[in-house]
């Protein structure tokens, strides 16, 4: 499998504050990564760099084999699916769910004067069915619940069959039922052999779907551990990441953690 994301000695400094320091990390096309860490560790910044939405202060970044700073971003970005709470705020509240998903074909966040082909419409309708949103296709995006909006974002992010899918806290703020429904859908998608490489940021091990293969633990001082999920996700590594003793348990591919 080709490497879809490659960070070499990447650092990010904003207004004199170091957000990321010396990050070295590779993601291959058949891997599904979860990125865990406390607030302020730089997880969202890391994802924005992976999405070619931000550039590092130093270091080299290759996204889908194109080097940031040398690649045409308008050609690169449509090949990367990205969903985040910040992105949701860019969608017009009076846009229909179908149009929110459909506009991914042009990488715009509102329906204007674009001419869409039948194949675009069929693809948007297909992903709405796959993410159990087809009954909401004519609803206004602003009228949806938080859980529904998050699923619409993910449907939009996969609409163009991306080669890399990036999800920033997709289960944050969801109630138990909405979270579990979303994680079941994500687990099924991640387990499909035709799925792209996936990187998902979260704060909680309970939000790691089945089908994920690798983990990156990012602490305030940088990467604590990175590699296959079973090797990295340990109580010792979580303690080093979050700064307190952790009791970790696993049941049928799902994890839970609490203070020890």
C-alpha atoms as a PDB file:
ATOM      1  CA  UNK A   1       0.000   0.000   0.000  1.00  0.00           C
ATOM      2  CA  UNK A   2       1.324   3.460  -0.846  1.00  0.00           C
ATOM      3  CA  UNK A   3       1.937   6.008   1.884  1.00  0.00           C
ATOM      4  CA  UNK A   4      -0.879   8.584   1.801  1.00  0.00           C
ATOM      5  CA  UNK A   5       0.432  10.844   4.577  1.00  0.00           C
ATOM      6  CA  UNK A   6       4.045  11.444   5.561  1.00  0.00           C
ATOM      7  CA  UNK A   7       5.201  14.011   8.116  1.00  0.00           C
ATOM      8  CA  UNK A   8       8.934  14.497   8.619  1.00  0.00           C
ATOM      9  CA  UNK A   9      10.130  16.520  11.625  1.00  0.00           C
ATOM     10  CA  UNK A  10       7.015  18.718  11.490  1.00  0.00           C
ATOM     11  CA  UNK A  11       6.660  21.592  13.937  1.00  0.00           C
ATOM     12  CA  UNK A  12       4.004  24.273  14.243  1.00  0.00           C
ATOM     13  CA  UNK A  13       4.552  27.550  16.108  1.00  0.00           C
ATOM     14  CA  UNK A  14       1.779  30.139  16.343  1.00  0.00           C
ATOM     15  CA  UNK A  15       2.281  33.527  18.010  1.00  0.00           C
ATOM     16  CA  UNK A  16       5.364  32.229  19.769  1.00  0.00           C
ATOM     17  CA  UNK A  17       3.597  29.138  21.127  1.00  0.00           C
ATOM     18  CA  UNK A  18       4.752  25.688  20.024  1.00  0.00           C
ATOM     19  CA  UNK A  19       1.717  23.588  19.123  1.00  0.00           C
ATOM     20  CA  UNK A  20       3.505  20.638  17.503  1.00  0.00           C
ATOM     21  CA  UNK A  21       7.172  19.777  17.759  1.00  0.00           C
ATOM     22  CA  UNK A  22       9.238  17.323  15.739  1.00  0.00           C
ATOM     23  CA  UNK A  23       6.392  15.085  14.563  1.00  0.00           C
ATOM     24  CA  UNK A  24       7.377  12.105  12.410  1.00  0.00           C
ATOM     25  CA  UNK A  25       4.420  10.011  11.249  1.00  0.00           C
ATOM     26  CA  UNK A  26       3.370   7.911   8.266  1.00  0.00           C
ATOM     27  CA  UNK A  27      -0.068   6.620   7.245  1.00  0.00           C
ATOM     28  CA  UNK A  28      -0.460   3.917   4.604  1.00  0.00           C
ATOM     29  CA  UNK A  29      -3.493   3.502   2.389  1.00  0.00           C
ATOM     30  CA  UNK A  30      -4.870   0.428   4.171  1.00  0.00           C
ATOM     31  CA  UNK A  31      -4.578   1.838   7.699  1.00  0.00           C
ATOM     32  CA  UNK A  32      -7.257   3.354   9.961  1.00  0.00           C
ATOM     33  CA  UNK A  33      -5.730   5.563  12.641  1.00  0.00           C
ATOM     34  CA  UNK A  34      -7.161   7.042  15.808  1.00  0.00           C
ATOM     35  CA  UNK A  35      -5.357  10.062  17.290  1.00  0.00           C
ATOM     36  CA  UNK A  36      -5.794  10.424  21.056  1.00  0.00           C
ATOM     37  CA  UNK A  37      -4.563  13.097  23.410  1.00  0.00           C
ATOM     38  CA  UNK A  38      -5.526  15.815  25.874  1.00  0.00           C
ATOM     39  CA  UNK A  39      -6.796  19.277  25.005  1.00  0.00           C
ATOM     40  CA  UNK A  40      -4.041  21.474  23.655  1.00  0.00           C
ATOM     41  CA  UNK A  41      -1.831  18.639  22.445  1.00  0.00           C
ATOM     42  CA  UNK A  42      -2.185  19.722  18.810  1.00  0.00           C
ATOM     43  CA  UNK A  43      -4.535  17.029  17.466  1.00  0.00           C
ATOM     44  CA  UNK A  44      -6.719  19.379  15.435  1.00  0.00           C
ATOM     45  CA  UNK A  45      -3.657  21.216  14.113  1.00  0.00           C
ATOM     46  CA  UNK A  46      -2.211  17.875  13.024  1.00  0.00           C
ATOM     47  CA  UNK A  47      -5.434  17.048  11.171  1.00  0.00           C
ATOM     48  CA  UNK A  48      -5.553  20.466   9.461  1.00  0.00           C
ATOM     49  CA  UNK A  49      -2.041  19.889   8.144  1.00  0.00           C
ATOM     50  CA  UNK A  50      -3.045  16.426   6.918  1.00  0.00           C
ATOM     51  CA  UNK A  51      -6.012  18.046   5.140  1.00  0.00           C
ATOM     52  CA  UNK A  52      -3.706  20.570   3.438  1.00  0.00           C
ATOM     53  CA  UNK A  53      -5.657  23.331   5.178  1.00  0.00           C
ATOM     54  CA  UNK A  54      -2.639  24.536   7.137  1.00  0.00           C
ATOM     55  CA  UNK A  55       1.120  24.504   6.649  1.00  0.00           C
ATOM     56  CA  UNK A  56       3.755  23.653   9.260  1.00  0.00           C
ATOM     57  CA  UNK A  57       6.296  26.163  10.513  1.00  0.00           C
ATOM     58  CA  UNK A  58       9.049  23.681   9.689  1.00  0.00           C
ATOM     59  CA  UNK A  59       9.417  20.159   8.390  1.00  0.00           C
ATOM     60  CA  UNK A  60       8.180  18.362   5.280  1.00  0.00           C
ATOM     61  CA  UNK A  61       4.640  17.112   4.659  1.00  0.00           C
ATOM     62  CA  UNK A  62       3.538  14.823   1.841  1.00  0.00           C
ATOM     63  CA  UNK A  63      -0.214  14.313   1.356  1.00  0.00           C
ATOM     64  CA  UNK A  64      -1.136  11.729  -1.284  1.00  0.00           C
ATOM     65  CA  UNK A  65       2.474  11.920  -2.489  1.00  0.00           C
ATOM     66  CA  UNK A  66       2.290  15.678  -3.075  1.00  0.00           C
ATOM     67  CA  UNK A  67       4.529  17.927  -0.965  1.00  0.00           C
ATOM     68  CA  UNK A  68       2.809  20.846   0.737  1.00  0.00           C
ATOM     69  CA  UNK A  69       4.225  24.048  -0.651  1.00  0.00           C
ATOM     70  CA  UNK A  70       4.852  22.485  -4.056  1.00  0.00           C
ATOM     71  CA  UNK A  71       1.539  20.816  -4.925  1.00  0.00           C
ATOM     72  CA  UNK A  72      -1.604  22.432  -6.389  1.00  0.00           C
ATOM     73  CA  UNK A  73      -3.975  22.561  -3.403  1.00  0.00           C
ATOM     74  CA  UNK A  74      -7.048  22.933  -5.612  1.00  0.00           C
ATOM     75  CA  UNK A  75      -6.240  19.553  -7.143  1.00  0.00           C
ATOM     76  CA  UNK A  76      -5.198  17.936  -3.856  1.00  0.00           C
ATOM     77  CA  UNK A  77      -8.012  18.931  -1.503  1.00  0.00           C
ATOM     78  CA  UNK A  78     -10.877  17.202  -3.388  1.00  0.00           C
ATOM     79  CA  UNK A  79      -8.970  13.915  -2.930  1.00  0.00           C
ATOM     80  CA  UNK A  80      -9.103  14.330   0.862  1.00  0.00           C
ATOM     81  CA  UNK A  81     -12.352  13.962   2.813  1.00  0.00           C
ATOM     82  CA  UNK A  82     -12.555  16.169   5.905  1.00  0.00           C
ATOM     83  CA  UNK A  83     -15.236  16.568   8.574  1.00  0.00           C
ATOM     84  CA  UNK A  84     -15.118  18.749  11.681  1.00  0.00           C
ATOM     85  CA  UNK A  85     -17.360  20.900  13.852  1.00  0.00           C
ATOM     86  CA  UNK A  86     -15.675  23.992  12.412  1.00  0.00           C
ATOM     87  CA  UNK A  87     -16.539  22.816   8.906  1.00  0.00           C
ATOM     88  CA  UNK A  88     -20.212  22.350   9.899  1.00  0.00           C
ATOM     89  CA  UNK A  89     -20.485  26.047  10.744  1.00  0.00           C
ATOM     90  CA  UNK A  90     -19.645  26.921   7.131  1.00  0.00           C
ATOM     91  CA  UNK A  91     -22.746  25.219   5.705  1.00  0.00           C
ATOM     92  CA  UNK A  92     -25.784  27.499   5.193  1.00  0.00           C
ATOM     93  CA  UNK A  93     -28.488  26.585   7.713  1.00  0.00           C
ATOM     94  CA  UNK A  94     -31.129  26.788   4.963  1.00  0.00           C
ATOM     95  CA  UNK A  95     -29.300  24.360   2.639  1.00  0.00           C
ATOM     96  CA  UNK A  96     -30.935  20.964   2.147  1.00  0.00           C
ATOM     97  CA  UNK A  97     -29.090  17.864   3.316  1.00  0.00           C
ATOM     98  CA  UNK A  98     -28.883  16.629  -0.273  1.00  0.00           C
ATOM     99  CA  UNK A  99     -27.234  19.859  -1.395  1.00  0.00           C
ATOM    100  CA  UNK A 100     -24.774  19.863   1.514  1.00  0.00           C
ATOM    101  CA  UNK A 101     -23.562  16.451   0.350  1.00  0.00           C
ATOM    102  CA  UNK A 102     -23.810  17.241  -3.369  1.00  0.00           C
ATOM    103  CA  UNK A 103     -21.665  20.380  -3.185  1.00  0.00           C
ATOM    104  CA  UNK A 104     -18.686  18.254  -2.167  1.00  0.00           C
ATOM    105  CA  UNK A 105     -18.295  17.557  -5.894  1.00  0.00           C
ATOM    106  CA  UNK A 106     -17.049  21.163  -6.304  1.00  0.00           C
ATOM    107  CA  UNK A 107     -15.534  21.527  -2.817  1.00  0.00           C
ATOM    108  CA  UNK A 108     -17.912  24.399  -2.027  1.00  0.00           C
ATOM    109  CA  UNK A 109     -20.090  24.778   1.059  1.00  0.00           C
ATOM    110  CA  UNK A 110     -23.216  26.294  -0.509  1.00  0.00           C
ATOM    111  CA  UNK A 111     -25.244  25.694  -3.648  1.00  0.00           C
ATOM    112  CA  UNK A 112     -24.763  28.541  -6.122  1.00  0.00           C
ATOM    113  CA  UNK A 113     -24.671  28.215  -9.906  1.00  0.00           C
ATOM    114  CA  UNK A 114     -22.723  24.979 -10.271  1.00  0.00           C
ATOM    115  CA  UNK A 115     -23.850  22.518 -12.938  1.00  0.00           C
ATOM    116  CA  UNK A 116     -24.012  19.014 -11.492  1.00  0.00           C
ATOM    117  CA  UNK A 117     -24.138  15.868 -13.585  1.00  0.00           C
ATOM    118  CA  UNK A 118     -26.466  12.942 -12.998  1.00  0.00           C
ATOM    119  CA  UNK A 119     -23.553  10.890 -11.698  1.00  0.00           C
ATOM    120  CA  UNK A 120     -22.991  13.500  -8.951  1.00  0.00           C
ATOM    121  CA  UNK A 121     -26.634  13.355  -7.897  1.00  0.00           C
ATOM    122  CA  UNK A 122     -26.685   9.554  -7.874  1.00  0.00           C
ATOM    123  CA  UNK A 123     -23.493   9.429  -5.826  1.00  0.00           C
ATOM    124  CA  UNK A 124     -24.872  11.906  -3.270  1.00  0.00           C
ATOM    125  CA  UNK A 125     -28.086   9.892  -2.975  1.00  0.00           C
ATOM    126  CA  UNK A 126     -26.073   6.696  -2.574  1.00  0.00           C
ATOM    127  CA  UNK A 127     -24.010   7.960   0.347  1.00  0.00           C
ATOM    128  CA  UNK A 128     -27.140   9.318   2.046  1.00  0.00           C
ATOM    129  CA  UNK A 129     -28.567   5.795   1.955  1.00  0.00           C
ATOM    130  CA  UNK A 130     -25.295   4.274   3.207  1.00  0.00           C
ATOM    131  CA  UNK A 131     -25.212   6.639   6.184  1.00  0.00           C
ATOM    132  CA  UNK A 132     -28.946   6.228   6.894  1.00  0.00           C
ATOM    133  CA  UNK A 133     -29.759   9.807   5.953  1.00  0.00           C
ATOM    134  CA  UNK A 134     -31.892   9.387   2.836  1.00  0.00           C
ATOM    135  CA  UNK A 135     -35.082  10.182   4.773  1.00  0.00           C
ATOM    136  CA  UNK A 136     -33.560  13.577   5.633  1.00  0.00           C
ATOM    137  CA  UNK A 137     -32.474  14.525   2.105  1.00  0.00           C
ATOM    138  CA  UNK A 138     -34.913  17.458   1.810  1.00  0.00           C
ATOM    139  CA  UNK A 139     -34.568  18.652   5.413  1.00  0.00           C
ATOM    140  CA  UNK A 140     -32.684  21.870   6.054  1.00  0.00           C
ATOM    141  CA  UNK A 141     -29.225  21.336   7.511  1.00  0.00           C
ATOM    142  CA  UNK A 142     -29.860  23.861  10.297  1.00  0.00           C
ATOM    143  CA  UNK A 143     -32.904  21.903  11.492  1.00  0.00           C
ATOM    144  CA  UNK A 144     -30.983  18.694  12.165  1.00  0.00           C
ATOM    145  CA  UNK A 145     -29.821  17.379  15.513  1.00  0.00           C
ATOM    146  CA  UNK A 146     -26.111  17.437  16.315  1.00  0.00           C
ATOM    147  CA  UNK A 147     -25.822  13.720  15.617  1.00  0.00           C
ATOM    148  CA  UNK A 148     -27.591  14.045  12.270  1.00  0.00           C
ATOM    149  CA  UNK A 149     -25.370  16.960  11.271  1.00  0.00           C
ATOM    150  CA  UNK A 150     -22.253  14.954  12.066  1.00  0.00           C
ATOM    151  CA  UNK A 151     -23.455  12.047   9.915  1.00  0.00           C
ATOM    152  CA  UNK A 152     -24.241  14.465   7.069  1.00  0.00           C
ATOM    153  CA  UNK A 153     -20.699  15.823   7.305  1.00  0.00           C
ATOM    154  CA  UNK A 154     -19.220  12.348   7.054  1.00  0.00           C
ATOM    155  CA  UNK A 155     -21.506  11.481   4.135  1.00  0.00           C
ATOM    156  CA  UNK A 156     -20.301  14.658   2.427  1.00  0.00           C
ATOM    157  CA  UNK A 157     -16.657  13.822   3.149  1.00  0.00           C
ATOM    158  CA  UNK A 158     -16.924  10.405   1.459  1.00  0.00           C
ATOM    159  CA  UNK A 159     -19.131  11.579  -1.426  1.00  0.00           C
ATOM    160  CA  UNK A 160     -16.170  12.050  -3.805  1.00  0.00           C
ATOM    161  CA  UNK A 161     -14.574   8.678  -2.898  1.00  0.00           C
ATOM    162  CA  UNK A 162     -11.539  10.286  -1.228  1.00  0.00           C
ATOM    163  CA  UNK A 163      -8.170   8.604  -0.937  1.00  0.00           C
ATOM    164  CA  UNK A 164      -7.767   9.895   2.637  1.00  0.00           C
ATOM    165  CA  UNK A 165     -10.567  10.537   5.140  1.00  0.00           C
ATOM    166  CA  UNK A 166      -9.971  12.837   8.135  1.00  0.00           C
ATOM    167  CA  UNK A 167     -12.486  13.081  10.988  1.00  0.00           C
ATOM    168  CA  UNK A 168     -12.096  15.577  13.829  1.00  0.00           C
ATOM    169  CA  UNK A 169     -14.012  14.367  16.902  1.00  0.00           C
ATOM    170  CA  UNK A 170     -17.036  13.012  14.995  1.00  0.00           C
ATOM    171  CA  UNK A 171     -18.701  11.675  18.174  1.00  0.00           C
ATOM    172  CA  UNK A 172     -18.141  14.736  20.366  1.00  0.00           C
ATOM    173  CA  UNK A 173     -21.253  16.034  22.188  1.00  0.00           C
ATOM    174  CA  UNK A 174     -23.446  13.140  21.006  1.00  0.00           C
ATOM    175  CA  UNK A 175     -25.756  11.289  23.376  1.00  0.00           C
ATOM    176  CA  UNK A 176     -25.227   7.571  23.943  1.00  0.00           C
ATOM    177  CA  UNK A 177     -27.643   6.416  21.251  1.00  0.00           C
ATOM    178  CA  UNK A 178     -26.378   8.820  18.592  1.00  0.00           C
ATOM    179  CA  UNK A 179     -22.771   8.019  19.439  1.00  0.00           C
ATOM    180  CA  UNK A 180     -23.256   4.275  19.181  1.00  0.00           C
ATOM    181  CA  UNK A 181     -25.168   4.556  15.916  1.00  0.00           C
ATOM    182  CA  UNK A 182     -22.396   6.680  14.441  1.00  0.00           C
ATOM    183  CA  UNK A 183     -19.654   4.345  15.682  1.00  0.00           C
ATOM    184  CA  UNK A 184     -21.435   1.337  14.187  1.00  0.00           C
ATOM    185  CA  UNK A 185     -21.589   3.086  10.826  1.00  0.00           C
ATOM    186  CA  UNK A 186     -17.956   4.182  11.054  1.00  0.00           C
ATOM    187  CA  UNK A 187     -16.868   0.689  12.082  1.00  0.00           C
ATOM    188  CA  UNK A 188     -18.630  -0.863   9.119  1.00  0.00           C
ATOM    189  CA  UNK A 189     -17.137   1.699   6.759  1.00  0.00           C
ATOM    190  CA  UNK A 190     -13.620   1.304   8.187  1.00  0.00           C
ATOM    191  CA  UNK A 191     -13.811  -2.495   7.878  1.00  0.00           C
ATOM    192  CA  UNK A 192     -14.690  -2.390   4.168  1.00  0.00           C
ATOM    193  CA  UNK A 193     -11.678  -3.284   1.997  1.00  0.00           C
ATOM    194  CA  UNK A 194     -12.470  -0.477  -0.453  1.00  0.00           C
ATOM    195  CA  UNK A 195     -12.469   2.206   2.267  1.00  0.00           C
ATOM    196  CA  UNK A 196      -9.714   4.837   2.112  1.00  0.00           C
ATOM    197  CA  UNK A 197      -7.091   5.467   4.734  1.00  0.00           C
ATOM    198  CA  UNK A 198      -8.782   7.043   7.772  1.00  0.00           C
ATOM    199  CA  UNK A 199      -7.476   9.303  10.532  1.00  0.00           C
ATOM    200  CA  UNK A 200      -9.891  10.119  13.354  1.00  0.00           C
ATOM    201  CA  UNK A 201      -9.199  12.463  16.257  1.00  0.00           C
ATOM    202  CA  UNK A 202     -10.915  11.828  19.576  1.00  0.00           C
ATOM    203  CA  UNK A 203     -10.414  12.374  23.309  1.00  0.00           C
ATOM    204  CA  UNK A 204     -11.957   9.079  24.438  1.00  0.00           C
ATOM    205  CA  UNK A 205     -11.034   5.442  23.866  1.00  0.00           C
ATOM    206  CA  UNK A 206     -14.763   4.636  24.046  1.00  0.00           C
ATOM    207  CA  UNK A 207     -15.145   6.408  20.696  1.00  0.00           C
ATOM    208  CA  UNK A 208     -12.730   4.156  18.792  1.00  0.00           C
ATOM    209  CA  UNK A 209     -14.836   2.205  16.273  1.00  0.00           C
ATOM    210  CA  UNK A 210     -14.229  -1.396  15.372  1.00  0.00           C
ATOM    211  CA  UNK A 211     -12.104  -1.793  12.276  1.00  0.00           C
ATOM    212  CA  UNK A 212      -9.464   0.733  13.317  1.00  0.00           C
ATOM    213  CA  UNK A 213      -5.947  -0.629  13.093  1.00  0.00           C
ATOM    214  CA  UNK A 214      -3.502   1.965  14.448  1.00  0.00           C
ATOM    215  CA  UNK A 215      -3.210   4.617  17.146  1.00  0.00           C
ATOM    216  CA  UNK A 216      -1.191   7.780  17.653  1.00  0.00           C
ATOM    217  CA  UNK A 217      -0.995   9.088  21.223  1.00  0.00           C
ATOM    218  CA  UNK A 218      -0.142  12.775  21.264  1.00  0.00           C
ATOM    219  CA  UNK A 219       0.832  14.401  24.538  1.00  0.00           C
ATOM    220  CA  UNK A 220       1.755  17.982  25.435  1.00  0.00           C
ATOM    221  CA  UNK A 221       5.424  17.259  24.620  1.00  0.00           C
ATOM    222  CA  UNK A 222       4.845  15.394  21.364  1.00  0.00           C
ATOM    223  CA  UNK A 223       4.189  11.828  20.273  1.00  0.00           C
ATOM    224  CA  UNK A 224       4.041   9.361  23.159  1.00  0.00           C
ATOM    225  CA  UNK A 225       3.507   6.256  21.025  1.00  0.00           C
ATOM    226  CA  UNK A 226       2.404   5.365  17.496  1.00  0.00           C
ATOM    227  CA  UNK A 227       1.784   2.054  15.785  1.00  0.00           C
ATOM    228  CA  UNK A 228      -0.624  -0.845  15.730  1.00  0.00           C
ATOM    229  CA  UNK A 229      -3.627  -0.338  17.998  1.00  0.00           C
ATOM    230  CA  UNK A 230      -2.998  -3.392  20.202  1.00  0.00           C
ATOM    231  CA  UNK A 231       0.598  -2.358  20.881  1.00  0.00           C
ATOM    232  CA  UNK A 232       0.002   1.350  21.470  1.00  0.00           C
ATOM    233  CA  UNK A 233      -3.258   1.420  23.406  1.00  0.00           C
ATOM    234  CA  UNK A 234      -2.035   0.411  26.856  1.00  0.00           C
ATOM    235  CA  UNK A 235      -2.713   1.780  30.320  1.00  0.00           C
ATOM    236  CA  UNK A 236       0.949   2.782  30.622  1.00  0.00           C
ATOM    237  CA  UNK A 237       0.897   4.777  27.385  1.00  0.00           C
ATOM    238  CA  UNK A 238      -2.415   6.425  28.271  1.00  0.00           C
ATOM    239  CA  UNK A 239      -1.001   7.453  31.651  1.00  0.00           C
ATOM    240  CA  UNK A 240       1.990   9.037  29.911  1.00  0.00           C
ATOM    241  CA  UNK A 241      -0.349  10.815  27.485  1.00  0.00           C
ATOM    242  CA  UNK A 242      -2.957  12.144  29.907  1.00  0.00           C
ATOM    243  CA  UNK A 243      -0.869  12.505  33.039  1.00  0.00           C
ATOM    244  CA  UNK A 244      -2.748  10.274  35.469  1.00  0.00           C
ATOM    245  CA  UNK A 245      -3.036   6.526  36.159  1.00  0.00           C
ATOM    246  CA  UNK A 246      -5.524   4.867  33.808  1.00  0.00           C
ATOM    247  CA  UNK A 247      -7.360   1.552  34.016  1.00  0.00           C
ATOM    248  CA  UNK A 248      -8.030   0.309  30.478  1.00  0.00           C
ATOM    249  CA  UNK A 249     -10.377  -2.499  29.447  1.00  0.00           C
ATOM    250  CA  UNK A 250     -11.437  -4.026  26.130  1.00  0.00           C
ATOM    251  CA  UNK A 251     -14.527  -6.010  25.207  1.00  0.00           C
ATOM    252  CA  UNK A 252     -15.245  -7.335  21.720  1.00  0.00           C
ATOM    253  CA  UNK A 253     -13.091  -4.741  20.008  1.00  0.00           C
ATOM    254  CA  UNK A 254     -14.355  -1.736  22.002  1.00  0.00           C
ATOM    255  CA  UNK A 255     -12.390   0.023  24.734  1.00  0.00           C
ATOM    256  CA  UNK A 256     -13.160   1.857  27.937  1.00  0.00           C
ATOM    257  CA  UNK A 257     -10.957   3.766  30.373  1.00  0.00           C
ATOM    258  CA  UNK A 258     -11.203   5.379  33.780  1.00  0.00           C
ATOM    259  CA  UNK A 259      -8.868   6.807  36.376  1.00  0.00           C
ATOM    260  CA  UNK A 260      -7.145   4.018  38.271  1.00  0.00           C
END
